[in-house]
Amino acid sequence: MAKEELVLCDSNILIDVYRGNEQTIKLVTVLGKDRFVISAVTAAEVLFGARNKAELQKIKKDIASIQILEINDDISSLFVKLVADYTLSHKLTIPDAIIAATALTYKLPLFTHNQKDFRFIPGIKFYKP
């Protein structure tokens, strides 16, 4: 893997960082902030999980320094297809479908602790630290 390759990080990675999980913090540090990108849905999920105003402000500040891949027409179309194809058979959730569609559209590896939520999707690649 080239050093400059971007890596799409799943919501559970950021949540682990906020919970102080030392192993995840080390993995994110090794990855480097310049390679760490998130989907707009990941930004929303992490903001949604804030427990109070102070935490919300900290998360907003942190997210402002991370590249967010916005949901475009290609992602929207693929997201709808993934939901139609895998919601009944694999219980694919809406946020995970958007994250998967983002990874596939941008051809990025996905950094997640829950590969089982995505591994059935053709073409999905995982970041292996």
Protein backbone atom coordinates (compact mmCIF):
# COMPACT_ATOMS: atom_id res chain seq x y z
CA MET A 1 0.00 0.00 0.00
CA ALA A 2 1.39 3.40 -0.97
CA LYS A 3 2.04 5.79 1.91
CA GLU A 4 -0.14 8.49 0.36
CA GLU A 5 -3.22 6.28 -0.17
CA LEU A 6 -6.28 7.57 1.62
CA VAL A 7 -8.21 5.28 3.95
CA LEU A 8 -11.93 5.63 4.65
CA CYS A 9 -12.55 5.18 8.37
CA ASP A 10 -15.77 3.74 9.70
CA SER A 11 -17.68 5.37 12.52
CA ASN A 12 -16.57 2.71 15.02
CA ILE A 13 -12.95 3.81 14.59
CA LEU A 14 -13.72 7.38 15.67
CA ILE A 15 -15.98 6.16 18.46
CA ASP A 16 -13.14 3.99 19.79
CA VAL A 17 -10.80 6.99 19.70
CA TYR A 18 -13.30 9.06 21.73
CA ARG A 19 -13.68 6.21 24.20
CA GLY A 20 -9.91 6.20 24.72
CA ASN A 21 -9.21 2.77 23.20
CA GLU A 22 -5.40 2.83 23.18
CA GLN A 23 -5.01 0.18 20.46
CA THR A 24 -7.29 2.09 18.05
CA ILE A 25 -5.58 5.39 18.90
CA LYS A 26 -2.22 3.82 18.01
CA LEU A 27 -3.59 2.46 14.72
CA VAL A 28 -5.01 5.88 13.80
CA THR A 29 -1.73 7.57 14.75
CA VAL A 30 0.25 5.15 12.55
CA LEU A 31 -2.21 5.73 9.70
CA GLY A 32 -1.69 9.48 9.97
CA LYS A 33 -4.15 12.33 9.84
CA ASP A 34 -3.27 13.14 6.20
CA ARG A 35 -4.54 9.70 5.07
CA PHE A 36 -7.57 9.50 7.38
CA VAL A 37 -10.86 10.41 5.63
CA ILE A 38 -14.48 9.86 6.64
CA SER A 39 -17.88 9.76 4.99
CA ALA A 40 -20.40 12.49 5.71
CA VAL A 41 -22.53 9.82 7.42
CA THR A 42 -19.64 8.99 9.77
CA ALA A 43 -19.35 12.66 10.72
CA ALA A 44 -23.09 12.74 11.43
CA GLU A 45 -23.03 9.50 13.45
CA VAL A 46 -20.20 10.70 15.66
CA LEU A 47 -21.88 14.08 16.24
CA PHE A 48 -25.16 12.28 17.00
CA GLY A 49 -23.39 10.27 19.71
CA ALA A 50 -22.20 13.31 21.67
CA ARG A 51 -23.26 13.04 25.30
CA ASN A 52 -23.24 16.77 26.12
CA LYS A 53 -22.52 20.22 24.64
CA ALA A 54 -18.83 20.15 25.58
CA GLU A 55 -18.31 16.80 23.87
CA LEU A 56 -20.28 18.02 20.85
CA GLN A 57 -18.00 21.07 20.54
CA LYS A 58 -14.88 18.89 20.80
CA ILE A 59 -16.18 16.52 18.12
CA LYS A 60 -17.08 19.46 15.84
CA LYS A 61 -13.56 20.85 16.23
CA ASP A 62 -11.98 17.46 15.53
CA ILE A 63 -14.17 16.77 12.51
CA ALA A 64 -13.33 20.18 11.05
CA SER A 65 -9.73 18.96 10.68
CA ILE A 66 -10.65 15.69 8.93
CA GLN A 67 -11.36 15.38 5.22
CA ILE A 68 -15.04 14.50 4.78
CA LEU A 69 -16.12 12.79 1.57
CA GLU A 70 -19.53 14.22 0.78
CA ILE A 71 -22.34 12.13 -0.60
CA ASN A 72 -22.52 12.69 -4.37
CA ASP A 73 -24.76 11.30 -7.13
CA ASP A 74 -22.55 8.23 -7.68
CA ILE A 75 -22.55 7.38 -3.98
CA SER A 76 -26.31 7.93 -3.76
CA SER A 77 -27.02 5.60 -6.68
CA LEU A 78 -24.73 2.87 -5.38
CA PHE A 79 -26.09 3.29 -1.84
CA VAL A 80 -29.66 2.65 -3.07
CA LYS A 81 -28.49 -0.41 -5.02
CA LEU A 82 -26.64 -1.81 -1.98
CA VAL A 83 -29.72 -1.34 0.22
CA ALA A 84 -31.91 -3.10 -2.36
CA ASP A 85 -29.41 -5.95 -2.77
CA TYR A 86 -28.34 -6.60 0.83
CA THR A 87 -30.78 -5.25 3.42
CA LEU A 88 -32.94 -8.37 3.55
CA SER A 89 -30.22 -10.95 3.00
CA HIS A 90 -27.45 -9.44 5.17
CA LYS A 91 -29.21 -6.84 7.33
CA LEU A 92 -27.15 -4.01 5.76
CA THR A 93 -27.98 -0.78 7.59
CA ILE A 94 -28.43 2.59 5.92
CA PRO A 95 -25.28 4.15 7.46
CA ASP A 96 -23.17 1.11 6.53
CA ALA A 97 -24.55 1.13 2.99
CA ILE A 98 -23.56 4.80 2.58
CA ILE A 99 -20.09 4.13 4.00
CA ALA A 100 -19.64 1.11 1.69
CA ALA A 101 -20.86 3.10 -1.31
CA THR A 102 -18.38 5.85 -0.44
CA ALA A 103 -15.49 3.38 -0.19
CA LEU A 104 -16.42 1.74 -3.49
CA THR A 105 -17.00 5.03 -5.34
CA TYR A 106 -13.67 6.50 -4.24
CA LYS A 107 -11.91 3.10 -4.51
CA LEU A 108 -10.64 3.38 -0.94
CA PRO A 109 -9.92 0.68 1.61
CA LEU A 110 -12.26 0.72 4.59
CA PHE A 111 -10.83 0.83 8.12
CA THR A 112 -13.42 -0.78 10.40
CA HIS A 113 -13.61 -3.05 13.40
CA ASN A 114 -16.75 -4.65 11.94
CA GLN A 115 -15.70 -6.26 8.66
CA LYS A 116 -18.64 -8.66 8.98
CA ASP A 117 -20.95 -5.72 8.26
CA PHE A 118 -19.33 -5.21 4.83
CA ARG A 119 -17.46 -8.34 3.66
CA PHE A 120 -20.38 -9.64 1.55
CA ILE A 121 -20.27 -6.52 -0.67
CA PRO A 122 -18.40 -7.23 -3.91
CA GLY A 123 -15.34 -5.04 -4.41
CA ILE A 124 -15.03 -3.81 -0.83
CA LYS A 125 -11.43 -3.75 0.37
CA PHE A 126 -10.31 -3.43 3.96
CA TYR A 127 -7.41 -1.46 5.40
CA LYS A 128 -5.08 -3.79 7.23
CA PRO A 129 -2.80 -1.88 9.59
